[in-house]
Amino acid sequence: MQYLFNWGGLPVGLVFLAFRRFRMEKSFAGISYGMIVGVLSGLGQWALFAAFRGPANTSVVTVISALYPLVTVLLAVIFLRERLTKLQMAGLGFAAVAFVTFSF
């Protein structure tokens, strides 16, 4: 299913290219960021497939991969100095408890 994610992104990319009248990015920074995102996305999908094929329980792998927003929030708190409300902290706590619960 994760493989279909790439094919689903193709029409969206073509629409954005059409809005830009099919002009490609020419700055080194833009091309570099695009390449880094593509490589990291590919490595992430490869790791997910390896985890599904390995001896790990599929339900645990699915729960862990579904908690990727947790990492995003934690990185925003650390690097962007975002502040979390009590409700958001409770949500992070529940996510952590869910992670531990499903790992058994």
Protein backbone atom coordinates (compact mmCIF):
# COMPACT_ATOMS: atom_id res chain seq x y z
CA MET A 1 0.00 0.00 0.00
CA GLN A 2 2.83 2.37 0.82
CA TYR A 3 4.09 1.92 -2.72
CA LEU A 4 0.85 3.43 -4.04
CA PHE A 5 1.61 6.59 -2.06
CA ASN A 6 4.27 7.46 -4.64
CA TRP A 7 1.88 7.01 -7.54
CA GLY A 8 -0.72 9.12 -5.74
CA GLY A 9 1.76 11.97 -5.45
CA LEU A 10 2.45 12.03 -9.17
CA PRO A 11 -0.79 13.80 -10.24
CA VAL A 12 -0.38 16.31 -7.41
CA GLY A 13 3.15 17.07 -8.58
CA LEU A 14 1.97 17.50 -12.15
CA VAL A 15 -0.73 19.95 -11.03
CA PHE A 16 1.85 22.03 -9.16
CA LEU A 17 4.12 21.95 -12.19
CA ALA A 18 1.22 23.13 -14.35
CA PHE A 19 0.66 26.07 -11.97
CA ARG A 20 4.32 26.99 -12.43
CA ARG A 21 3.90 26.61 -16.22
CA PHE A 22 6.32 23.66 -16.09
CA ARG A 23 9.26 25.84 -15.06
CA MET A 24 11.69 23.82 -12.99
CA GLU A 25 13.58 25.01 -9.91
CA LYS A 26 17.02 26.33 -10.79
CA SER A 27 18.44 27.18 -7.38
CA PHE A 28 20.95 24.78 -5.87
CA ALA A 29 19.29 24.96 -2.45
CA GLY A 30 15.85 24.05 -3.84
CA ILE A 31 17.20 21.12 -5.83
CA SER A 32 19.26 19.94 -2.84
CA TYR A 33 16.28 20.03 -0.48
CA GLY A 34 14.16 18.14 -3.01
CA MET A 35 16.83 15.47 -3.42
CA ILE A 36 17.27 15.11 0.34
CA VAL A 37 13.52 14.74 0.86
CA GLY A 38 13.31 12.14 -1.90
CA VAL A 39 16.22 10.09 -0.59
CA LEU A 40 14.99 10.19 3.02
CA SER A 41 11.47 9.26 1.93
CA GLY A 42 12.80 6.31 -0.03
CA LEU A 43 14.95 5.16 2.89
CA GLY A 44 11.97 5.46 5.22
CA GLN A 45 9.78 3.33 2.99
CA TRP A 46 12.57 0.81 2.60
CA ALA A 47 12.92 0.60 6.39
CA LEU A 48 9.15 0.18 6.76
CA PHE A 49 9.10 -2.70 4.27
CA ALA A 50 12.09 -4.29 6.03
CA ALA A 51 10.28 -4.02 9.36
CA PHE A 52 7.17 -5.67 7.92
CA ARG A 53 9.24 -8.54 6.49
CA GLY A 54 11.26 -9.01 9.66
CA PRO A 55 10.40 -10.92 12.80
CA ALA A 56 8.67 -7.92 14.40
CA ASN A 57 4.95 -8.02 15.06
CA THR A 58 3.14 -6.22 12.25
CA SER A 59 0.72 -4.50 14.64
CA VAL A 60 3.64 -2.97 16.55
CA VAL A 61 5.32 -1.78 13.36
CA THR A 62 2.06 -0.22 12.18
CA VAL A 63 1.52 1.63 15.47
CA ILE A 64 5.10 2.90 15.54
CA SER A 65 4.91 4.13 11.95
CA ALA A 66 1.59 5.83 12.67
CA LEU A 67 3.21 7.84 15.46
CA TYR A 68 5.42 9.86 13.10
CA PRO A 69 3.60 13.13 14.04
CA LEU A 70 4.91 12.61 17.56
CA VAL A 71 8.47 12.96 16.25
CA THR A 72 7.49 16.07 14.30
CA VAL A 73 6.01 17.69 17.40
CA LEU A 74 9.04 16.82 19.51
CA LEU A 75 11.40 18.26 16.89
CA ALA A 76 9.30 21.44 16.75
CA VAL A 77 9.52 21.78 20.53
CA ILE A 78 13.28 21.23 20.53
CA PHE A 79 14.38 23.21 17.47
CA LEU A 80 11.61 25.76 16.91
CA ARG A 81 10.89 26.32 20.60
CA GLU A 82 7.19 25.64 20.12
CA ARG A 83 5.10 25.63 23.26
CA LEU A 84 2.58 22.89 23.90
CA THR A 85 -0.72 23.35 25.67
CA LYS A 86 -1.81 20.99 28.42
CA LEU A 87 -4.18 19.28 26.01
CA GLN A 88 -1.38 18.73 23.49
CA MET A 89 0.90 17.35 26.20
CA ALA A 90 -1.88 15.00 27.25
CA GLY A 91 -2.14 13.85 23.64
CA LEU A 92 1.59 13.14 23.54
CA GLY A 93 1.24 11.21 26.79
CA PHE A 94 -1.61 9.12 25.41
CA ALA A 95 0.42 8.42 22.26
CA ALA A 96 3.34 7.23 24.37
CA VAL A 97 1.04 5.00 26.42
CA ALA A 98 -0.46 3.58 23.22
CA PHE A 99 3.01 2.84 21.93
CA VAL A 100 3.92 0.94 25.09
CA THR A 101 0.56 -0.85 25.22
CA PHE A 102 0.74 -2.13 21.65
CA SER A 103 4.34 -3.24 21.99
CA PHE A 104 3.36 -6.05 24.38
